[in-house]
Amino acid sequence: MLRTFSKLAGLAGLRVGYGVPGLVCLTCGRSGSPTRMASLAALASLEDQDWLHDKLACLVAERERMIACLAEFEYLRPYPSHSNFVLFAWTAD
């Protein structure tokens, strides 16, 4: 499984990510190897677990609020989501 630091840690411009079971760097910079700034920013974001958990709670709450708002339209049927996007069906007659 590969994940990025783009949304949750706010490091989209640095193009850094990780793979499970170990920490690896995705394409960072032109050479494909991690820049020092990207590496330091990723490590710093991992150290501040309280901040990450707060941001995750905000993202989940906002996703649930958006699903509830979409469900108010009679022609939309949102599906439950555990990701950064919401899939919905357009049920217009």
PDB file of N, CA and C in Angstrom:
ATOM      1  N   MET A   1       0.852  -1.165   0.000  1.00  0.00           N
ATOM      2  CA  MET A   1       0.000   0.000   0.000  1.00  0.00           C
ATOM      3  C   MET A   1       0.904   1.236   0.000  1.00  0.00           C
ATOM      4  N   LEU A   2       0.601   2.187  -0.853  1.00  0.00           N
ATOM      5  CA  LEU A   2       1.340   3.440  -0.917  1.00  0.00           C
ATOM      6  C   LEU A   2       0.443   4.585  -0.475  1.00  0.00           C
ATOM      7  N   ARG A   3       0.986   5.508   0.285  1.00  0.00           N
ATOM      8  CA  ARG A   3       0.246   6.687   0.755  1.00  0.00           C
ATOM      9  C   ARG A   3       1.129   7.910   0.540  1.00  0.00           C
ATOM     10  N   THR A   4       0.504   9.075   0.524  1.00  0.00           N
ATOM     11  CA  THR A   4       1.275  10.302   0.374  1.00  0.00           C
ATOM     12  C   THR A   4       1.068  11.188   1.595  1.00  0.00           C
ATOM     13  N   PHE A   5       1.902  12.183   1.703  1.00  0.00           N
ATOM     14  CA  PHE A   5       1.778  13.191   2.751  1.00  0.00           C
ATOM     15  C   PHE A   5       1.035  14.417   2.217  1.00  0.00           C
ATOM     16  N   SER A   6       0.446  14.298   1.037  1.00  0.00           N
ATOM     17  CA  SER A   6      -0.136  15.443   0.336  1.00  0.00           C
ATOM     18  C   SER A   6      -1.254  16.134   1.097  1.00  0.00           C
ATOM     19  N   LYS A   7      -2.321  15.425   1.408  1.00  0.00           N
ATOM     20  CA  LYS A   7      -3.489  16.066   2.015  1.00  0.00           C
ATOM     21  C   LYS A   7      -3.354  16.227   3.523  1.00  0.00           C
ATOM     22  N   LEU A   8      -3.190  15.135   4.202  1.00  0.00           N
ATOM     23  CA  LEU A   8      -3.202  15.162   5.659  1.00  0.00           C
ATOM     24  C   LEU A   8      -2.073  16.011   6.240  1.00  0.00           C
ATOM     25  N   ALA A   9      -0.876  15.827   5.746  1.00  0.00           N
ATOM     26  CA  ALA A   9       0.262  16.574   6.290  1.00  0.00           C
ATOM     27  C   ALA A   9       0.500  17.883   5.553  1.00  0.00           C
ATOM     28  N   GLY A  10      -0.241  18.122   4.481  1.00  0.00           N
ATOM     29  CA  GLY A  10      -0.100  19.368   3.737  1.00  0.00           C
ATOM     30  C   GLY A  10       1.221  19.497   3.003  1.00  0.00           C
ATOM     31  N   LEU A  11       1.756  18.378   2.516  1.00  0.00           N
ATOM     32  CA  LEU A  11       3.054  18.398   1.850  1.00  0.00           C
ATOM     33  C   LEU A  11       2.947  18.066   0.357  1.00  0.00           C
ATOM     34  N   ALA A  12       1.857  18.464  -0.279  1.00  0.00           N
ATOM     35  CA  ALA A  12       1.640  18.104  -1.682  1.00  0.00           C
ATOM     36  C   ALA A  12       2.765  18.580  -2.590  1.00  0.00           C
ATOM     37  N   GLY A  13       3.263  19.773  -2.380  1.00  0.00           N
ATOM     38  CA  GLY A  13       4.300  20.315  -3.241  1.00  0.00           C
ATOM     39  C   GLY A  13       5.633  19.600  -3.133  1.00  0.00           C
ATOM     40  N   LEU A  14       5.821  18.844  -2.067  1.00  0.00           N
ATOM     41  CA  LEU A  14       7.098  18.157  -1.868  1.00  0.00           C
ATOM     42  C   LEU A  14       7.112  16.759  -2.471  1.00  0.00           C
ATOM     43  N   ARG A  15       5.965  16.254  -2.860  1.00  0.00           N
ATOM     44  CA  ARG A  15       5.850  14.953  -3.517  1.00  0.00           C
ATOM     45  C   ARG A  15       6.537  13.838  -2.741  1.00  0.00           C
ATOM     46  N   VAL A  16       6.152  13.695  -1.485  1.00  0.00           N
ATOM     47  CA  VAL A  16       6.761  12.663  -0.647  1.00  0.00           C
ATOM     48  C   VAL A  16       5.672  11.719  -0.161  1.00  0.00           C
ATOM     49  N   GLY A  17       6.011  10.454  -0.059  1.00  0.00           N
ATOM     50  CA  GLY A  17       5.035   9.468   0.384  1.00  0.00           C
ATOM     51  C   GLY A  17       5.727   8.308   1.071  1.00  0.00           C
ATOM     52  N   TYR A  18       4.951   7.283   1.377  1.00  0.00           N
ATOM     53  CA  TYR A  18       5.507   6.126   2.069  1.00  0.00           C
ATOM     54  C   TYR A  18       4.778   4.872   1.634  1.00  0.00           C
ATOM     55  N   GLY A  19       5.419   3.774   1.860  1.00  0.00           N
ATOM     56  CA  GLY A  19       4.838   2.478   1.552  1.00  0.00           C
ATOM     57  C   GLY A  19       4.809   1.621   2.793  1.00  0.00           C
ATOM     58  N   VAL A  20       3.806   0.791   2.908  1.00  0.00           N
ATOM     59  CA  VAL A  20       3.707  -0.118   4.035  1.00  0.00           C
ATOM     60  C   VAL A  20       4.216  -1.466   3.548  1.00  0.00           C
ATOM     61  N   PRO A  21       5.097  -2.148   4.231  1.00  0.00           N
ATOM     62  CA  PRO A  21       5.393  -2.066   5.643  1.00  0.00           C
ATOM     63  C   PRO A  21       6.513  -1.116   6.023  1.00  0.00           C
ATOM     64  N   GLY A  22       7.228  -0.526   5.084  1.00  0.00           N
ATOM     65  CA  GLY A  22       8.346   0.348   5.461  1.00  0.00           C
ATOM     66  C   GLY A  22       8.194   1.730   4.866  1.00  0.00           C
ATOM     67  N   LEU A  23       8.979   2.638   5.351  1.00  0.00           N
ATOM     68  CA  LEU A  23       8.956   4.008   4.859  1.00  0.00           C
ATOM     69  C   LEU A  23       9.827   4.095   3.610  1.00  0.00           C
ATOM     70  N   VAL A  24       9.228   4.551   2.525  1.00  0.00           N
ATOM     71  CA  VAL A  24       9.960   4.756   1.282  1.00  0.00           C
ATOM     72  C   VAL A  24       9.591   6.127   0.739  1.00  0.00           C
ATOM     73  N   CYS A  25      10.395   6.667  -0.116  1.00  0.00           N
ATOM     74  CA  CYS A  25      10.100   7.957  -0.716  1.00  0.00           C
ATOM     75  C   CYS A  25       9.578   7.745  -2.121  1.00  0.00           C
ATOM     76  N   LEU A  26       8.466   8.377  -2.425  1.00  0.00           N
ATOM     77  CA  LEU A  26       7.967   8.386  -3.794  1.00  0.00           C
ATOM     78  C   LEU A  26       8.724   9.461  -4.557  1.00  0.00           C
ATOM     79  N   THR A  27       8.366   9.700  -5.788  1.00  0.00           N
ATOM     80  CA  THR A  27       9.113  10.671  -6.584  1.00  0.00           C
ATOM     81  C   THR A  27       9.161  12.024  -5.905  1.00  0.00           C
ATOM     82  N   CYS A  28      10.355  12.474  -5.639  1.00  0.00           N
ATOM     83  CA  CYS A  28      10.597  13.752  -4.983  1.00  0.00           C
ATOM     84  C   CYS A  28      11.632  14.492  -5.807  1.00  0.00           C
ATOM     85  N   GLY A  29      11.237  15.533  -6.453  1.00  0.00           N
ATOM     86  CA  GLY A  29      12.193  16.279  -7.254  1.00  0.00           C
ATOM     87  C   GLY A  29      12.398  15.642  -8.609  1.00  0.00           C
ATOM     88  N   ARG A  30      13.187  16.266  -9.407  1.00  0.00           N
ATOM     89  CA  ARG A  30      13.392  15.825 -10.790  1.00  0.00           C
ATOM     90  C   ARG A  30      14.106  14.492 -10.894  1.00  0.00           C
ATOM     91  N   SER A  31      14.997  14.219 -10.005  1.00  0.00           N
ATOM     92  CA  SER A  31      15.801  12.995 -10.110  1.00  0.00           C
ATOM     93  C   SER A  31      15.048  11.764  -9.629  1.00  0.00           C
ATOM     94  N   GLY A  32      13.917  11.949  -8.962  1.00  0.00           N
ATOM     95  CA  GLY A  32      13.190  10.815  -8.409  1.00  0.00           C
ATOM     96  C   GLY A  32      13.667  10.430  -7.029  1.00  0.00           C
ATOM     97  N   SER A  33      14.729  11.055  -6.555  1.00  0.00           N
ATOM     98  CA  SER A  33      15.196  10.772  -5.205  1.00  0.00           C
ATOM     99  C   SER A  33      14.731  11.891  -4.268  1.00  0.00           C
ATOM    100  N   PRO A  34      14.601  11.583  -2.996  1.00  0.00           N
ATOM    101  CA  PRO A  34      14.053  12.574  -2.062  1.00  0.00           C
ATOM    102  C   PRO A  34      14.968  13.778  -1.889  1.00  0.00           C
ATOM    103  N   THR A  35      14.358  14.931  -1.814  1.00  0.00           N
ATOM    104  CA  THR A  35      15.136  16.117  -1.481  1.00  0.00           C
ATOM    105  C   THR A  35      15.295  16.149   0.036  1.00  0.00           C
ATOM    106  N   ARG A  36      16.280  16.853   0.507  1.00  0.00           N
ATOM    107  CA  ARG A  36      16.490  16.965   1.957  1.00  0.00           C
ATOM    108  C   ARG A  36      15.286  17.630   2.608  1.00  0.00           C
ATOM    109  N   MET A  37      14.748  18.670   1.974  1.00  0.00           N
ATOM    110  CA  MET A  37      13.599  19.367   2.537  1.00  0.00           C
ATOM    111  C   MET A  37      12.382  18.439   2.628  1.00  0.00           C
ATOM    112  N   ALA A  38      12.138  17.649   1.584  1.00  0.00           N
ATOM    113  CA  ALA A  38      11.006  16.724   1.601  1.00  0.00           C
ATOM    114  C   ALA A  38      11.160  15.694   2.713  1.00  0.00           C
ATOM    115  N   SER A  39      12.366  15.158   2.854  1.00  0.00           N
ATOM    116  CA  SER A  39      12.623  14.156   3.896  1.00  0.00           C
ATOM    117  C   SER A  39      12.426  14.737   5.291  1.00  0.00           C
ATOM    118  N   LEU A  40      12.969  15.932   5.526  1.00  0.00           N
ATOM    119  CA  LEU A  40      12.832  16.560   6.845  1.00  0.00           C
ATOM    120  C   LEU A  40      11.379  16.912   7.149  1.00  0.00           C
ATOM    121  N   ALA A  41      10.651  17.401   6.154  1.00  0.00           N
ATOM    122  CA  ALA A  41       9.245  17.755   6.360  1.00  0.00           C
ATOM    123  C   ALA A  41       8.406  16.519   6.671  1.00  0.00           C
ATOM    124  N   ALA A  42       8.652  15.427   5.964  1.00  0.00           N
ATOM    125  CA  ALA A  42       7.915  14.188   6.214  1.00  0.00           C
ATOM    126  C   ALA A  42       8.191  13.670   7.622  1.00  0.00           C
ATOM    127  N   LEU A  43       9.444  13.660   8.014  1.00  0.00           N
ATOM    128  CA  LEU A  43       9.790  13.192   9.358  1.00  0.00           C
ATOM    129  C   LEU A  43       9.183  14.090  10.433  1.00  0.00           C
ATOM    130  N   ALA A  44       9.205  15.399  10.213  1.00  0.00           N
ATOM    131  CA  ALA A  44       8.625  16.333  11.188  1.00  0.00           C
ATOM    132  C   ALA A  44       7.121  16.113  11.312  1.00  0.00           C
ATOM    133  N   SER A  45       6.451  15.860  10.191  1.00  0.00           N
ATOM    134  CA  SER A  45       5.002  15.643  10.267  1.00  0.00           C
ATOM    135  C   SER A  45       4.671  14.353  11.017  1.00  0.00           C
ATOM    136  N   LEU A  46       5.518  13.350  10.889  1.00  0.00           N
ATOM    137  CA  LEU A  46       5.292  12.095  11.615  1.00  0.00           C
ATOM    138  C   LEU A  46       5.511  12.257  13.121  1.00  0.00           C
ATOM    139  N   GLU A  47       6.356  13.177  13.500  1.00  0.00           N
ATOM    140  CA  GLU A  47       6.633  13.394  14.922  1.00  0.00           C
ATOM    141  C   GLU A  47       5.495  14.097  15.645  1.00  0.00           C
ATOM    142  N   ASP A  48       4.699  14.885  14.929  1.00  0.00           N
ATOM    143  CA  ASP A  48       3.608  15.633  15.563  1.00  0.00           C
ATOM    144  C   ASP A  48       2.289  14.867  15.411  1.00  0.00           C
ATOM    145  N   GLN A  49       2.187  13.766  16.131  1.00  0.00           N
ATOM    146  CA  GLN A  49       1.023  12.890  16.022  1.00  0.00           C
ATOM    147  C   GLN A  49      -0.277  13.576  16.457  1.00  0.00           C
ATOM    148  N   ASP A  50      -0.209  14.436  17.462  1.00  0.00           N
ATOM    149  CA  ASP A  50      -1.422  15.135  17.907  1.00  0.00           C
ATOM    150  C   ASP A  50      -1.992  15.995  16.791  1.00  0.00           C
ATOM    151  N   TRP A  51      -1.129  16.716  16.090  1.00  0.00           N
ATOM    152  CA  TRP A  51      -1.573  17.568  14.982  1.00  0.00           C
ATOM    153  C   TRP A  51      -2.175  16.721  13.870  1.00  0.00           C
ATOM    154  N   LEU A  52      -1.523  15.602  13.535  1.00  0.00           N
ATOM    155  CA  LEU A  52      -2.044  14.724  12.487  1.00  0.00           C
ATOM    156  C   LEU A  52      -3.410  14.157  12.862  1.00  0.00           C
ATOM    157  N   HIS A  53      -3.579  13.753  14.118  1.00  0.00           N
ATOM    158  CA  HIS A  53      -4.863  13.202  14.550  1.00  0.00           C
ATOM    159  C   HIS A  53      -5.956  14.270  14.524  1.00  0.00           C
ATOM    160  N   ASP A  54      -5.624  15.499  14.902  1.00  0.00           N
ATOM    161  CA  ASP A  54      -6.594  16.601  14.828  1.00  0.00           C
ATOM    162  C   ASP A  54      -7.011  16.860  13.389  1.00  0.00           C
ATOM    163  N   LYS A  55      -6.050  16.892  12.465  1.00  0.00           N
ATOM    164  CA  LYS A  55      -6.360  17.124  11.050  1.00  0.00           C
ATOM    165  C   LYS A  55      -7.185  15.983  10.480  1.00  0.00           C
ATOM    166  N   LEU A  56      -6.867  14.764  10.861  1.00  0.00           N
ATOM    167  CA  LEU A  56      -7.631  13.620  10.388  1.00  0.00           C
ATOM    168  C   LEU A  56      -9.078  13.711  10.865  1.00  0.00           C
ATOM    169  N   ALA A  57      -9.273  14.089  12.125  1.00  0.00           N
ATOM    170  CA  ALA A  57     -10.635  14.236  12.646  1.00  0.00           C
ATOM    171  C   ALA A  57     -11.405  15.317  11.878  1.00  0.00           C
ATOM    172  N   CYS A  58     -10.731  16.415  11.533  1.00  0.00           N
ATOM    173  CA  CYS A  58     -11.372  17.485  10.752  1.00  0.00           C
ATOM    174  C   CYS A  58     -11.749  16.998   9.360  1.00  0.00           C
ATOM    175  N   LEU A  59     -10.838  16.258   8.714  1.00  0.00           N
ATOM    176  CA  LEU A  59     -11.122  15.742   7.378  1.00  0.00           C
ATOM    177  C   LEU A  59     -12.291  14.768   7.384  1.00  0.00           C
ATOM    178  N   VAL A  60     -12.342  13.883   8.363  1.00  0.00           N
ATOM    179  CA  VAL A  60     -13.428  12.910   8.461  1.00  0.00           C
ATOM    180  C   VAL A  60     -14.750  13.624   8.732  1.00  0.00           C
ATOM    181  N   ALA A  61     -14.759  14.590   9.626  1.00  0.00           N
ATOM    182  CA  ALA A  61     -15.981  15.337   9.935  1.00  0.00           C
ATOM    183  C   ALA A  61     -16.482  16.089   8.703  1.00  0.00           C
ATOM    184  N   GLU A  62     -15.583  16.689   7.957  1.00  0.00           N
ATOM    185  CA  GLU A  62     -15.981  17.425   6.754  1.00  0.00           C
ATOM    186  C   GLU A  62     -16.507  16.483   5.677  1.00  0.00           C
ATOM    187  N   ARG A  63     -15.896  15.317   5.531  1.00  0.00           N
ATOM    188  CA  ARG A  63     -16.398  14.328   4.574  1.00  0.00           C
ATOM    189  C   ARG A  63     -17.808  13.891   4.947  1.00  0.00           C
ATOM    190  N   GLU A  64     -18.036  13.632   6.223  1.00  0.00           N
ATOM    191  CA  GLU A  64     -19.371  13.209   6.663  1.00  0.00           C
ATOM    192  C   GLU A  64     -20.394  14.328   6.475  1.00  0.00           C
ATOM    193  N   ARG A  65     -19.989  15.582   6.710  1.00  0.00           N
ATOM    194  CA  ARG A  65     -20.887  16.710   6.499  1.00  0.00           C
ATOM    195  C   ARG A  65     -21.245  16.839   5.019  1.00  0.00           C
ATOM    196  N   MET A  66     -20.270  16.655   4.156  1.00  0.00           N
ATOM    197  CA  MET A  66     -20.517  16.741   2.728  1.00  0.00           C
ATOM    198  C   MET A  66     -21.450  15.617   2.262  1.00  0.00           C
ATOM    199  N   ILE A  67     -21.263  14.413   2.778  1.00  0.00           N
ATOM    200  CA  ILE A  67     -22.148  13.297   2.432  1.00  0.00           C
ATOM    201  C   ILE A  67     -23.577  13.615   2.846  1.00  0.00           C
ATOM    202  N   ALA A  68     -23.740  14.167   4.049  1.00  0.00           N
ATOM    203  CA  ALA A  68     -25.076  14.524   4.530  1.00  0.00           C
ATOM    204  C   ALA A  68     -25.709  15.609   3.652  1.00  0.00           C
ATOM    205  N   CYS A  69     -24.918  16.587   3.247  1.00  0.00           N
ATOM    206  CA  CYS A  69     -25.437  17.659   2.374  1.00  0.00           C
ATOM    207  C   CYS A  69     -25.840  17.108   1.010  1.00  0.00           C
ATOM    208  N   LEU A  70     -25.020  16.234   0.448  1.00  0.00           N
ATOM    209  CA  LEU A  70     -25.353  15.640  -0.848  1.00  0.00           C
ATOM    210  C   LEU A  70     -26.619  14.795  -0.767  1.00  0.00           C
ATOM    211  N   ALA A  71     -26.821  14.115   0.349  1.00  0.00           N
ATOM    212  CA  ALA A  71     -27.993  13.252   0.517  1.00  0.00           C
ATOM    213  C   ALA A  71     -29.293  14.057   0.564  1.00  0.00           C
ATOM    214  N   GLU A  72     -29.213  15.356   0.829  1.00  0.00           N
ATOM    215  CA  GLU A  72     -30.413  16.192   0.858  1.00  0.00           C
ATOM    216  C   GLU A  72     -30.990  16.429  -0.531  1.00  0.00           C
ATOM    217  N   PHE A  73     -30.185  16.267  -1.566  1.00  0.00           N
ATOM    218  CA  PHE A  73     -30.695  16.399  -2.932  1.00  0.00           C
ATOM    219  C   PHE A  73     -31.359  15.085  -3.321  1.00  0.00           C
ATOM    220  N   GLU A  74     -32.607  15.151  -3.735  1.00  0.00           N
ATOM    221  CA  GLU A  74     -33.351  13.921  -4.019  1.00  0.00           C
ATOM    222  C   GLU A  74     -32.782  13.147  -5.204  1.00  0.00           C
ATOM    223  N   TYR A  75     -32.032  13.790  -6.070  1.00  0.00           N
ATOM    224  CA  TYR A  75     -31.491  13.122  -7.240  1.00  0.00           C
ATOM    225  C   TYR A  75     -30.046  12.637  -7.050  1.00  0.00           C
ATOM    226  N   LEU A  76     -29.493  12.799  -5.854  1.00  0.00           N
ATOM    227  CA  LEU A  76     -28.152  12.299  -5.562  1.00  0.00           C
ATOM    228  C   LEU A  76     -28.209  11.238  -4.473  1.00  0.00           C
ATOM    229  N   ARG A  77     -27.419  10.198  -4.663  1.00  0.00           N
ATOM    230  CA  ARG A  77     -27.312   9.161  -3.632  1.00  0.00           C
ATOM    231  C   ARG A  77     -25.832   8.915  -3.337  1.00  0.00           C
ATOM    232  N   PRO A  78     -25.298   9.558  -2.291  1.00  0.00           N
ATOM    233  CA  PRO A  78     -23.884   9.349  -1.957  1.00  0.00           C
ATOM    234  C   PRO A  78     -23.664   7.984  -1.299  1.00  0.00           C
ATOM    235  N   TYR A  79     -22.530   7.408  -1.598  1.00  0.00           N
ATOM    236  CA  TYR A  79     -22.146   6.141  -0.991  1.00  0.00           C
ATOM    237  C   TYR A  79     -21.231   6.419   0.197  1.00  0.00           C
ATOM    238  N   PRO A  80     -21.281   5.578   1.214  1.00  0.00           N
ATOM    239  CA  PRO A  80     -20.354   5.755   2.346  1.00  0.00           C
ATOM    240  C   PRO A  80     -18.909   5.702   1.844  1.00  0.00           C
ATOM    241  N   SER A  81     -18.036   6.459   2.490  1.00  0.00           N
ATOM    242  CA  SER A  81     -16.651   6.538   2.043  1.00  0.00           C
ATOM    243  C   SER A  81     -15.696   6.554   3.233  1.00  0.00           C
ATOM    244  N   HIS A  82     -14.541   5.959   3.029  1.00  0.00           N
ATOM    245  CA  HIS A  82     -13.449   6.021   4.006  1.00  0.00           C
ATOM    246  C   HIS A  82     -12.219   6.637   3.356  1.00  0.00           C
ATOM    247  N   SER A  83     -12.417   7.300   2.232  1.00  0.00           N
ATOM    248  CA  SER A  83     -11.292   7.867   1.493  1.00  0.00           C
ATOM    249  C   SER A  83     -11.433   9.385   1.392  1.00  0.00           C
ATOM    250  N   ASN A  84     -10.609   9.992   0.554  1.00  0.00           N
ATOM    251  CA  ASN A  84     -10.633  11.440   0.390  1.00  0.00           C
ATOM    252  C   ASN A  84     -11.613  11.898  -0.679  1.00  0.00           C
ATOM    253  N   PHE A  85     -12.454  11.028  -1.144  1.00  0.00           N
ATOM    254  CA  PHE A  85     -13.453  11.398  -2.132  1.00  0.00           C
ATOM    255  C   PHE A  85     -14.770  10.724  -1.804  1.00  0.00           C
ATOM    256  N   VAL A  86     -15.840  11.232  -2.401  1.00  0.00           N
ATOM    257  CA  VAL A  86     -17.167  10.668  -2.194  1.00  0.00           C
ATOM    258  C   VAL A  86     -17.758  10.318  -3.549  1.00  0.00           C
ATOM    259  N   LEU A  87     -18.145   9.081  -3.715  1.00  0.00           N
ATOM    260  CA  LEU A  87     -18.820   8.621  -4.919  1.00  0.00           C
ATOM    261  C   LEU A  87     -20.312   8.768  -4.707  1.00  0.00           C
ATOM    262  N   PHE A  88     -21.009   9.257  -5.709  1.00  0.00           N
ATOM    263  CA  PHE A  88     -22.453   9.334  -5.593  1.00  0.00           C
ATOM    264  C   PHE A  88     -23.100   9.000  -6.917  1.00  0.00           C
ATOM    265  N   ALA A  89     -24.319   8.491  -6.839  1.00  0.00           N
ATOM    266  CA  ALA A  89     -25.091   8.141  -8.029  1.00  0.00           C
ATOM    267  C   ALA A  89     -26.048   9.272  -8.342  1.00  0.00           C
ATOM    268  N   TRP A  90     -26.176   9.560  -9.605  1.00  0.00           N
ATOM    269  CA  TRP A  90     -27.124  10.559 -10.092  1.00  0.00           C
ATOM    270  C   TRP A  90     -28.381   9.788 -10.441  1.00  0.00           C
ATOM    271  N   THR A  91     -29.458  10.016  -9.736  1.00  0.00           N
ATOM    272  CA  THR A  91     -30.670   9.234  -9.925  1.00  0.00           C
ATOM    273  C   THR A  91     -31.793  10.044 -10.556  1.00  0.00           C
ATOM    274  N   ALA A  92     -31.449  11.001 -11.436  1.00  0.00           N
ATOM    275  CA  ALA A  92     -32.464  11.836 -12.078  1.00  0.00           C
ATOM    276  C   ALA A  92     -33.319  10.967 -13.002  1.00  0.00           C
ATOM    277  N   ASP A  93     -34.585  11.272 -13.036  1.00  0.00           N
ATOM    278  CA  ASP A  93     -35.523  10.502 -13.884  1.00  0.00           C
ATOM    279  C   ASP A  93     -35.488  10.969 -15.310  1.00  0.00           C
TER     280      ASP A  93
END
